[in-house]
Each structure stands twice: as C-alpha cells, then as structure tokens.
C-alpha cells in the first residue's frame, strides 16, 4: 500500500542534532506524530537520557526535543509499506534532508536503527553531505536491546550538543 508521510519535521533555530527514523508506524500515522506506538521506547529513552519527565502530549514531546536542541524527522516521504514493517518498505521517495540542513544549524545526524541509516545513505547522503551515526532502534521489534543497553548507546546524543552537555 502506498503511504505518504503527513507530518513535518520538528526543529527550530537551536536544533543541532537530528534524529532520523525510517517512516511512521501505523500508530504514529494515526496519532499524526513520531514514535506513537505505545511499545516504542523512543520517548521513554529520551526522557531518561535528558533527565526530563516523560512527555505525554505532542506539545510536551516537541518542547522536550527543542529544549535540548534535538530535531526529529524520517528519511522517507512516501513508500509502499505493509503495516509498520520496515522490512516491507519499497519504492521509496525520500524527504529533503539536505533542504532541512540548509535552513537549520544541525551539526550531527543520528539514525534510529539500521534501516534508517541504510535508507539515508542510499537516498540522502550525497545531497546532505553529512555522515549519519547509527544507533540501535528504539522499536519494540529490537528486543535484543534492553532499555539499559539502549541508554548506554544513545548517550552519545546527550554529549553531542553544548546545551545538552551542560545539563
């Protein structure tokens, strides 16, 4: 089934870090915001990493990200996908990551999982002219990584930004 990404990237003039996912899950598409599946550990992980209360509303999630200079978006603008399965993704049309980088002060890009990194490398890297740093996926499908192991790996995000580093 052909599906189009319907929500904008979250960033502002203070954003220095970009976290890229692949494409919104069915739950995220229903909620019209990133990492909407209740079993995805993204928000819980970032709250713990940034020493913040767990955000519940979209507004709280955006505020937490922007407070710490973190932007989020997905590599894919539209694709053929079965449900939420990254492995079923076909016929990719990429988001304009290079365009976002041109209008922001983003310095580092992190991929939430291997698939996001591979898609970025294939569809965006040449135009964006930035490397992506691979982090383990926060998806519930990544059962090999406990929350503690994810936190350990994702700590590089906290150390990437002067603002976040001072916290």
Protein backbone atom coordinates (compact mmCIF):
# COMPACT_ATOMS: atom_id res chain seq x y z
CA UNK A 1 0.00 0.00 0.00
CA UNK A 2 1.34 3.47 -0.96
CA UNK A 3 1.55 5.76 2.06
CA UNK A 4 2.70 9.38 2.37
CA UNK A 5 4.30 10.97 5.44
CA UNK A 6 1.90 13.65 6.66
CA UNK A 7 3.69 15.48 9.47
CA UNK A 8 6.52 17.98 9.45
CA UNK A 9 9.98 17.68 10.97
CA UNK A 10 10.38 19.06 14.49
CA UNK A 11 13.22 21.59 14.67
CA UNK A 12 13.98 25.23 15.40
CA UNK A 13 16.90 27.65 15.25
CA UNK A 14 18.55 25.98 18.27
CA UNK A 15 18.45 22.45 16.85
CA UNK A 16 21.96 20.99 16.48
CA UNK A 17 21.11 17.27 16.44
CA UNK A 18 18.82 15.44 14.02
CA UNK A 19 17.42 12.00 14.83
CA UNK A 20 16.09 10.24 11.76
CA UNK A 21 13.68 7.33 11.70
CA UNK A 22 12.55 5.42 8.64
CA UNK A 23 8.81 6.05 8.26
CA UNK A 24 5.95 6.49 10.77
CA UNK A 25 4.33 3.32 12.09
CA UNK A 26 0.59 2.78 11.71
CA UNK A 27 0.09 4.09 15.28
CA UNK A 28 2.27 7.13 14.59
CA UNK A 29 0.28 7.85 11.43
CA UNK A 30 -2.96 7.54 13.42
CA UNK A 31 -1.60 9.94 16.08
CA UNK A 32 -0.02 12.23 13.44
CA UNK A 33 3.26 12.33 15.39
CA UNK A 34 6.52 10.49 15.74
CA UNK A 35 7.00 7.27 17.73
CA UNK A 36 3.33 6.87 18.54
CA UNK A 37 3.33 3.12 19.21
CA UNK A 38 2.99 2.65 22.99
CA UNK A 39 5.70 -0.04 22.98
CA UNK A 40 8.26 2.12 21.16
CA UNK A 41 10.87 3.24 23.68
CA UNK A 42 11.88 6.49 21.97
CA UNK A 43 10.15 8.94 24.32
CA UNK A 44 10.95 6.96 27.45
CA UNK A 45 14.59 6.71 26.35
CA UNK A 46 14.98 10.41 25.56
CA UNK A 47 13.27 11.48 28.78
CA UNK A 48 15.68 9.30 30.78
CA UNK A 49 18.68 10.43 28.76
CA UNK A 50 17.81 14.12 29.08
CA UNK A 51 16.70 13.80 32.72
CA UNK A 52 13.20 15.05 31.93
CA UNK A 53 9.71 13.95 32.87
CA UNK A 54 8.19 11.54 30.34
CA UNK A 55 6.31 13.74 27.85
CA UNK A 56 2.75 12.67 27.10
CA UNK A 57 1.26 15.19 24.67
CA UNK A 58 2.63 16.15 21.28
CA UNK A 59 3.31 19.64 22.66
CA UNK A 60 5.30 18.23 25.60
CA UNK A 61 7.30 15.99 23.25
CA UNK A 62 8.14 18.90 20.94
CA UNK A 63 9.08 21.11 23.89
CA UNK A 64 11.45 18.49 25.32
CA UNK A 65 13.17 17.99 21.96
CA UNK A 66 13.57 21.68 21.23
CA UNK A 67 14.76 22.50 24.76
CA UNK A 68 17.69 20.15 24.16
CA UNK A 69 18.48 21.17 20.58
CA UNK A 70 17.14 17.94 19.09
CA UNK A 71 15.26 17.75 15.79
CA UNK A 72 13.41 14.68 14.53
CA UNK A 73 12.22 13.58 11.13
CA UNK A 74 12.06 10.48 8.96
CA UNK A 75 14.12 9.58 5.91
CA UNK A 76 11.08 8.57 3.86
CA UNK A 77 8.45 10.94 2.46
CA UNK A 78 6.39 8.19 0.83
CA UNK A 79 6.70 4.48 0.13
CA UNK A 80 4.90 1.20 -0.31
CA UNK A 81 4.69 -0.46 3.10
CA UNK A 82 2.77 -3.28 4.75
CA UNK A 83 1.53 -2.08 8.14
CA UNK A 84 4.54 -0.81 10.11
CA UNK A 85 7.12 -3.28 8.82
CA UNK A 86 10.39 -1.60 7.82
CA UNK A 87 11.38 -4.79 6.02
CA UNK A 88 8.40 -4.37 3.66
CA UNK A 89 9.37 -0.83 2.56
CA UNK A 90 9.58 -0.47 -1.24
CA UNK A 91 9.51 2.33 -3.83
CA UNK A 92 10.98 4.96 -1.54
CA UNK A 93 10.68 8.68 -2.06
CA UNK A 94 12.97 10.44 0.42
CA UNK A 95 12.37 13.58 2.44
CA UNK A 96 14.55 16.58 1.61
CA UNK A 97 17.07 16.15 4.42
CA UNK A 98 19.59 18.37 2.59
CA UNK A 99 16.96 21.12 2.47
CA UNK A 100 16.40 20.86 6.22
CA UNK A 101 20.14 21.02 6.86
CA UNK A 102 20.38 24.12 4.66
CA UNK A 103 17.81 26.04 6.71
CA UNK A 104 18.92 24.88 10.16
CA UNK A 105 22.05 24.71 12.30
CA UNK A 106 22.03 20.92 12.59
CA UNK A 107 25.55 19.57 13.01
CA UNK A 108 25.07 15.85 13.66
CA UNK A 109 22.66 13.25 12.33
CA UNK A 110 21.76 10.07 14.19
CA UNK A 111 19.79 7.18 12.75
CA UNK A 112 17.25 5.40 14.94
CA UNK A 113 18.12 1.90 13.74
CA UNK A 114 20.00 0.27 10.92
CA UNK A 115 17.26 0.68 8.29
CA UNK A 116 17.07 4.46 8.79
CA UNK A 117 20.84 4.67 8.27
CA UNK A 118 20.84 2.48 5.17
CA UNK A 119 17.99 4.49 3.62
CA UNK A 120 19.73 7.79 4.46
CA UNK A 121 22.97 6.55 2.90
CA UNK A 122 21.15 5.42 -0.24
CA UNK A 123 18.77 8.35 -0.79
CA UNK A 124 20.04 11.41 1.13
CA UNK A 125 23.75 11.33 1.95
CA UNK A 126 25.07 12.58 -1.41
CA UNK A 127 22.94 15.73 -1.27
CA UNK A 128 23.11 16.22 2.51
CA UNK A 129 26.91 15.81 2.60
CA UNK A 130 26.84 14.58 6.20
CA UNK A 131 27.51 11.20 7.72
CA UNK A 132 24.83 9.52 9.80
CA UNK A 133 25.69 7.91 13.13
CA UNK A 134 23.95 4.58 13.64
CA UNK A 135 22.12 3.99 16.93
CA UNK A 136 20.15 0.91 17.92
CA UNK A 137 16.46 1.13 17.13
CA UNK A 138 14.01 2.05 19.90
CA UNK A 139 11.39 -0.13 18.20
CA UNK A 140 9.82 -2.96 20.22
CA UNK A 141 10.99 -5.23 17.40
CA UNK A 142 14.56 -4.64 18.64
CA UNK A 143 14.14 -6.97 21.60
CA UNK A 144 17.90 -7.67 21.72
CA UNK A 145 18.42 -4.26 23.34
CA UNK A 146 17.21 -3.70 26.89
CA UNK A 147 16.35 -0.16 27.97
CA UNK A 148 19.67 -0.01 29.86
CA UNK A 149 21.62 -1.07 26.76
CA UNK A 150 19.75 1.47 24.61
CA UNK A 151 20.53 4.23 27.13
CA UNK A 152 24.19 3.31 27.09
CA UNK A 153 24.34 3.51 23.27
CA UNK A 154 22.23 6.65 22.95
CA UNK A 155 24.33 8.63 25.48
CA UNK A 156 26.33 9.98 22.52
CA UNK A 157 23.29 12.11 21.64
CA UNK A 158 23.43 13.83 25.02
CA UNK A 159 27.11 14.59 24.57
CA UNK A 160 26.67 15.93 21.02
CA UNK A 161 25.32 19.33 21.87
CA UNK A 162 26.72 22.10 24.03
CA UNK A 163 23.32 22.84 25.56
CA UNK A 164 22.58 19.23 26.38
CA UNK A 165 26.13 18.60 27.55
CA UNK A 166 25.87 21.32 30.23
CA UNK A 167 22.77 19.75 31.79
